[in-house]
């Protein structure tokens, strides 16, 4: 079974489609992330992408708990020292309200 990072490398270059059409691969990511009601590719899909890769790698991921936000990854797994980051670690960059909903 490939690791999520190996799956993600195969998805490099996936993009939204401007206008009324939507990238089917991105919509598929939302379904795999447990969010089938999201039916457009304009919604921020960074977490959905990681969730879909984890799904395909048969690993757990936070969206299974119905939370597709990137910050939900902060409650998943375990923290690592920034000097010790490994190839398959999930990194969440802070932005917006740090006290906002997860």
N, C-alpha and C. Protein backbone atom coordinates (compact mmCIF):
# COMPACT_ATOMS: atom_id res chain seq x y z
N UNK A 1 0.85 -1.18 0.00
CA UNK A 1 0.00 0.00 0.00
C UNK A 1 0.89 1.24 0.00
N UNK A 2 0.66 2.16 -0.91
CA UNK A 2 1.48 3.39 -0.93
C UNK A 2 1.14 4.30 0.25
N UNK A 3 2.09 5.12 0.63
CA UNK A 3 1.87 6.12 1.67
C UNK A 3 1.12 7.31 1.05
N UNK A 4 0.41 8.10 1.87
CA UNK A 4 -0.29 9.26 1.33
C UNK A 4 0.60 10.18 0.48
N UNK A 5 1.84 10.39 0.90
CA UNK A 5 2.72 11.29 0.15
C UNK A 5 2.98 10.76 -1.27
N UNK A 6 3.05 9.43 -1.40
CA UNK A 6 3.26 8.83 -2.72
C UNK A 6 2.05 9.08 -3.62
N UNK A 7 0.86 8.98 -3.03
CA UNK A 7 -0.38 9.25 -3.77
C UNK A 7 -0.44 10.72 -4.15
N UNK A 8 -0.12 11.60 -3.20
CA UNK A 8 -0.15 13.04 -3.45
C UNK A 8 0.79 13.45 -4.57
N UNK A 9 1.96 12.81 -4.64
CA UNK A 9 2.91 13.15 -5.71
C UNK A 9 2.30 12.88 -7.09
N UNK A 10 1.43 11.90 -7.18
CA UNK A 10 0.77 11.60 -8.45
C UNK A 10 -0.30 12.62 -8.81
N UNK A 11 -0.69 13.43 -7.86
CA UNK A 11 -1.74 14.43 -8.08
C UNK A 11 -1.18 15.83 -8.31
N UNK A 12 0.12 15.98 -8.33
CA UNK A 12 0.72 17.30 -8.57
C UNK A 12 0.21 17.84 -9.90
N UNK A 13 -0.23 19.08 -9.89
CA UNK A 13 -0.72 19.72 -11.10
C UNK A 13 -2.23 19.79 -11.21
N UNK A 14 -2.95 19.10 -10.32
CA UNK A 14 -4.41 19.19 -10.34
C UNK A 14 -4.82 20.63 -10.03
N UNK A 15 -5.78 21.13 -10.79
CA UNK A 15 -6.20 22.53 -10.64
C UNK A 15 -7.72 22.64 -10.73
N UNK A 16 -8.24 23.76 -10.18
CA UNK A 16 -9.64 24.08 -10.35
C UNK A 16 -9.89 24.42 -11.81
N UNK A 17 -11.13 24.27 -12.22
CA UNK A 17 -11.54 24.68 -13.56
C UNK A 17 -12.33 25.97 -13.40
N UNK A 18 -11.88 27.07 -13.98
CA UNK A 18 -12.62 28.33 -13.85
C UNK A 18 -14.03 28.21 -14.46
N UNK A 19 -14.97 28.88 -13.81
CA UNK A 19 -16.33 28.90 -14.35
C UNK A 19 -17.24 27.85 -13.75
N UNK A 20 -18.20 27.42 -14.55
CA UNK A 20 -19.26 26.53 -14.06
C UNK A 20 -18.84 25.07 -13.99
N UNK A 21 -17.80 24.68 -14.68
CA UNK A 21 -17.34 23.30 -14.61
C UNK A 21 -16.46 23.12 -13.39
N UNK A 22 -16.34 21.88 -12.93
CA UNK A 22 -15.52 21.59 -11.77
C UNK A 22 -14.67 20.35 -12.04
N UNK A 23 -13.45 20.36 -11.52
CA UNK A 23 -12.52 19.26 -11.71
C UNK A 23 -13.06 18.03 -10.99
N UNK A 24 -13.31 16.97 -11.74
CA UNK A 24 -13.90 15.75 -11.18
C UNK A 24 -12.97 15.11 -10.13
N UNK A 25 -11.68 15.25 -10.31
CA UNK A 25 -10.74 14.69 -9.34
C UNK A 25 -10.89 15.39 -7.98
N UNK A 26 -11.07 16.71 -7.99
CA UNK A 26 -11.25 17.44 -6.74
C UNK A 26 -12.58 17.07 -6.09
N UNK A 27 -13.62 16.93 -6.89
CA UNK A 27 -14.92 16.51 -6.34
C UNK A 27 -14.82 15.11 -5.73
N UNK A 28 -14.06 14.25 -6.36
CA UNK A 28 -13.82 12.90 -5.82
C UNK A 28 -13.07 12.97 -4.48
N UNK A 29 -12.16 13.91 -4.36
CA UNK A 29 -11.44 14.09 -3.09
C UNK A 29 -12.42 14.43 -1.98
N UNK A 30 -13.39 15.31 -2.28
CA UNK A 30 -14.38 15.69 -1.26
C UNK A 30 -15.20 14.48 -0.83
N UNK A 31 -15.55 13.62 -1.76
CA UNK A 31 -16.32 12.41 -1.42
C UNK A 31 -15.49 11.51 -0.52
N UNK A 32 -14.24 11.28 -0.89
CA UNK A 32 -13.36 10.43 -0.08
C UNK A 32 -13.10 11.03 1.30
N UNK A 33 -13.16 12.36 1.38
CA UNK A 33 -12.96 13.05 2.67
C UNK A 33 -14.23 13.04 3.52
N UNK A 34 -15.28 12.42 3.01
CA UNK A 34 -16.52 12.35 3.77
C UNK A 34 -17.39 13.58 3.63
N UNK A 35 -17.16 14.36 2.57
CA UNK A 35 -17.88 15.62 2.37
C UNK A 35 -18.55 15.65 0.98
N UNK A 36 -19.45 14.71 0.69
CA UNK A 36 -20.04 14.65 -0.66
C UNK A 36 -20.94 15.83 -1.00
N UNK A 37 -21.34 16.62 0.00
CA UNK A 37 -22.22 17.76 -0.28
C UNK A 37 -21.45 18.93 -0.90
N UNK A 38 -20.12 18.90 -0.83
CA UNK A 38 -19.32 19.95 -1.48
C UNK A 38 -19.19 19.56 -2.94
N UNK A 39 -19.78 20.36 -3.81
CA UNK A 39 -19.87 20.00 -5.23
C UNK A 39 -19.21 21.01 -6.15
N UNK A 40 -18.21 21.71 -5.63
CA UNK A 40 -17.47 22.64 -6.49
C UNK A 40 -15.99 22.54 -6.17
N UNK A 41 -15.17 23.03 -7.09
CA UNK A 41 -13.73 22.98 -6.87
C UNK A 41 -13.17 24.32 -6.42
N UNK A 42 -14.06 25.27 -6.12
CA UNK A 42 -13.61 26.57 -5.61
C UNK A 42 -13.42 26.56 -4.10
N UNK A 43 -14.04 25.61 -3.41
CA UNK A 43 -13.87 25.47 -1.96
C UNK A 43 -12.41 25.10 -1.70
N UNK A 44 -11.82 25.67 -0.65
CA UNK A 44 -10.42 25.34 -0.33
C UNK A 44 -10.31 23.82 -0.12
N UNK A 45 -9.51 23.17 -0.94
CA UNK A 45 -9.49 21.71 -0.95
C UNK A 45 -8.16 21.09 -0.50
N UNK A 46 -7.33 21.88 0.18
CA UNK A 46 -6.03 21.34 0.62
C UNK A 46 -6.23 20.17 1.59
N UNK A 47 -7.11 20.33 2.56
CA UNK A 47 -7.34 19.25 3.52
C UNK A 47 -8.05 18.07 2.85
N UNK A 48 -8.99 18.36 1.95
CA UNK A 48 -9.68 17.28 1.25
C UNK A 48 -8.69 16.44 0.45
N UNK A 49 -7.70 17.09 -0.13
CA UNK A 49 -6.67 16.38 -0.89
C UNK A 49 -5.88 15.44 0.02
N UNK A 50 -5.45 15.94 1.18
CA UNK A 50 -4.72 15.10 2.13
C UNK A 50 -5.61 13.97 2.65
N UNK A 51 -6.87 14.28 2.93
CA UNK A 51 -7.81 13.26 3.41
C UNK A 51 -8.00 12.17 2.36
N UNK A 52 -8.17 12.57 1.10
CA UNK A 52 -8.36 11.59 0.02
C UNK A 52 -7.13 10.71 -0.14
N UNK A 53 -5.95 11.29 -0.04
CA UNK A 53 -4.72 10.49 -0.13
C UNK A 53 -4.64 9.52 1.05
N UNK A 54 -5.01 9.98 2.22
CA UNK A 54 -5.02 9.10 3.40
C UNK A 54 -6.05 7.99 3.22
N UNK A 55 -7.21 8.34 2.69
CA UNK A 55 -8.25 7.35 2.39
C UNK A 55 -7.70 6.27 1.46
N UNK A 56 -7.08 6.70 0.36
CA UNK A 56 -6.55 5.76 -0.61
C UNK A 56 -5.42 4.91 -0.05
N UNK A 57 -4.71 5.44 0.94
CA UNK A 57 -3.62 4.70 1.59
C UNK A 57 -4.14 3.87 2.77
N UNK A 58 -5.45 3.87 2.97
CA UNK A 58 -6.10 3.11 4.05
C UNK A 58 -5.64 3.57 5.43
N UNK A 59 -5.42 4.89 5.57
CA UNK A 59 -5.04 5.47 6.85
C UNK A 59 -6.18 6.34 7.38
N UNK A 60 -6.13 6.62 8.67
CA UNK A 60 -7.15 7.47 9.27
C UNK A 60 -6.89 8.93 8.91
N UNK A 61 -7.94 9.72 9.03
CA UNK A 61 -7.81 11.16 8.77
C UNK A 61 -8.96 11.87 9.47
N UNK A 62 -8.77 13.16 9.81
CA UNK A 62 -9.76 13.86 10.62
C UNK A 62 -11.11 14.09 9.95
N UNK A 63 -11.19 14.17 8.65
CA UNK A 63 -12.48 14.45 8.01
C UNK A 63 -13.46 13.30 8.19
N UNK A 64 -12.96 12.12 8.54
CA UNK A 64 -13.88 11.02 8.84
C UNK A 64 -14.79 11.40 9.99
N UNK A 65 -14.33 12.36 10.79
CA UNK A 65 -15.14 12.86 11.90
C UNK A 65 -15.93 14.08 11.45
N UNK A 66 -16.15 14.22 10.14
CA UNK A 66 -16.98 15.27 9.55
C UNK A 66 -16.38 16.66 9.71
N UNK A 67 -15.08 16.78 9.68
CA UNK A 67 -14.46 18.08 9.76
C UNK A 67 -13.41 18.20 8.66
N UNK A 68 -13.75 18.91 7.58
CA UNK A 68 -12.82 18.99 6.45
C UNK A 68 -11.78 20.09 6.55
N UNK A 69 -11.79 20.89 7.63
CA UNK A 69 -10.88 22.03 7.72
C UNK A 69 -9.43 21.59 7.93
N UNK A 70 -8.50 22.34 7.37
CA UNK A 70 -7.08 22.02 7.52
C UNK A 70 -6.68 21.98 8.99
N UNK A 71 -7.25 22.86 9.80
CA UNK A 71 -6.89 22.87 11.22
C UNK A 71 -7.27 21.59 11.95
N UNK A 72 -8.20 20.82 11.39
CA UNK A 72 -8.57 19.57 12.04
C UNK A 72 -7.38 18.62 12.13
N UNK A 73 -6.38 18.81 11.25
CA UNK A 73 -5.18 17.99 11.28
C UNK A 73 -4.34 18.26 12.53
N UNK A 74 -4.56 19.41 13.18
CA UNK A 74 -3.82 19.72 14.41
C UNK A 74 -4.19 18.77 15.55
N UNK A 75 -5.35 18.16 15.46
CA UNK A 75 -5.80 17.22 16.50
C UNK A 75 -5.60 15.77 16.10
N UNK A 76 -4.97 15.54 15.00
CA UNK A 76 -4.76 14.20 14.47
C UNK A 76 -3.29 13.83 14.65
N UNK A 77 -3.01 12.58 14.93
CA UNK A 77 -1.61 12.14 15.05
C UNK A 77 -0.94 12.71 16.28
N UNK A 78 0.33 13.00 16.14
CA UNK A 78 1.10 13.55 17.26
C UNK A 78 2.00 14.65 16.74
N UNK A 79 2.28 15.59 17.63
CA UNK A 79 3.16 16.71 17.26
C UNK A 79 4.60 16.21 17.11
N UNK A 80 5.33 16.83 16.21
CA UNK A 80 6.75 16.53 16.05
C UNK A 80 7.53 17.83 16.13
N UNK A 81 8.76 17.73 16.52
CA UNK A 81 9.65 18.88 16.57
C UNK A 81 9.87 19.39 15.14
N UNK A 82 9.77 20.69 14.91
CA UNK A 82 9.98 21.22 13.56
C UNK A 82 11.32 20.82 12.95
N UNK A 83 12.30 20.54 13.78
CA UNK A 83 13.60 20.11 13.27
C UNK A 83 13.61 18.63 12.88
N UNK A 84 12.51 17.92 13.20
CA UNK A 84 12.43 16.48 13.00
C UNK A 84 11.37 16.08 11.97
N UNK A 85 10.90 17.00 11.16
CA UNK A 85 9.85 16.70 10.20
C UNK A 85 10.33 15.64 9.20
N UNK A 86 9.47 14.67 8.96
CA UNK A 86 9.77 13.59 8.03
C UNK A 86 8.93 13.73 6.76
N UNK A 87 9.26 12.98 5.76
CA UNK A 87 8.64 13.07 4.44
C UNK A 87 7.12 12.93 4.47
N UNK A 88 6.55 12.08 5.27
CA UNK A 88 5.11 11.82 5.25
C UNK A 88 4.34 12.57 6.34
N UNK A 89 4.99 13.52 7.04
CA UNK A 89 4.31 14.29 8.08
C UNK A 89 3.34 15.29 7.44
N UNK A 90 2.27 15.59 8.16
CA UNK A 90 1.30 16.60 7.72
C UNK A 90 1.62 17.89 8.46
N UNK A 91 1.79 18.97 7.72
CA UNK A 91 2.14 20.26 8.31
C UNK A 91 0.98 21.22 8.08
N UNK A 92 0.58 21.93 9.13
CA UNK A 92 -0.49 22.92 9.02
C UNK A 92 0.11 24.29 9.29
N UNK A 93 0.06 25.16 8.29
CA UNK A 93 0.54 26.52 8.46
C UNK A 93 -0.56 27.35 9.10
N UNK A 94 -0.22 28.18 10.08
CA UNK A 94 -1.26 29.01 10.70
C UNK A 94 -1.69 30.15 9.77
N UNK A 95 -2.98 30.47 9.84
CA UNK A 95 -3.52 31.62 9.14
C UNK A 95 -4.88 31.93 9.76
N UNK A 96 -5.32 33.14 9.58
CA UNK A 96 -6.62 33.51 10.11
C UNK A 96 -6.65 33.52 11.62
N UNK A 97 -7.79 33.24 12.18
CA UNK A 97 -8.02 33.25 13.62
C UNK A 97 -7.52 31.96 14.24
N UNK A 98 -6.45 31.99 15.06
CA UNK A 98 -5.92 30.76 15.65
C UNK A 98 -6.88 30.14 16.66
N UNK A 99 -7.86 30.90 17.13
CA UNK A 99 -8.84 30.36 18.07
C UNK A 99 -10.14 29.97 17.36
N UNK A 100 -10.13 29.98 16.06
CA UNK A 100 -11.33 29.66 15.29
C UNK A 100 -11.72 28.19 15.40
N UNK A 101 -12.82 27.83 14.79
CA UNK A 101 -13.30 26.44 14.89
C UNK A 101 -12.36 25.49 14.17
N UNK A 102 -12.34 24.29 14.67
CA UNK A 102 -11.56 23.23 14.02
C UNK A 102 -12.51 22.38 13.22
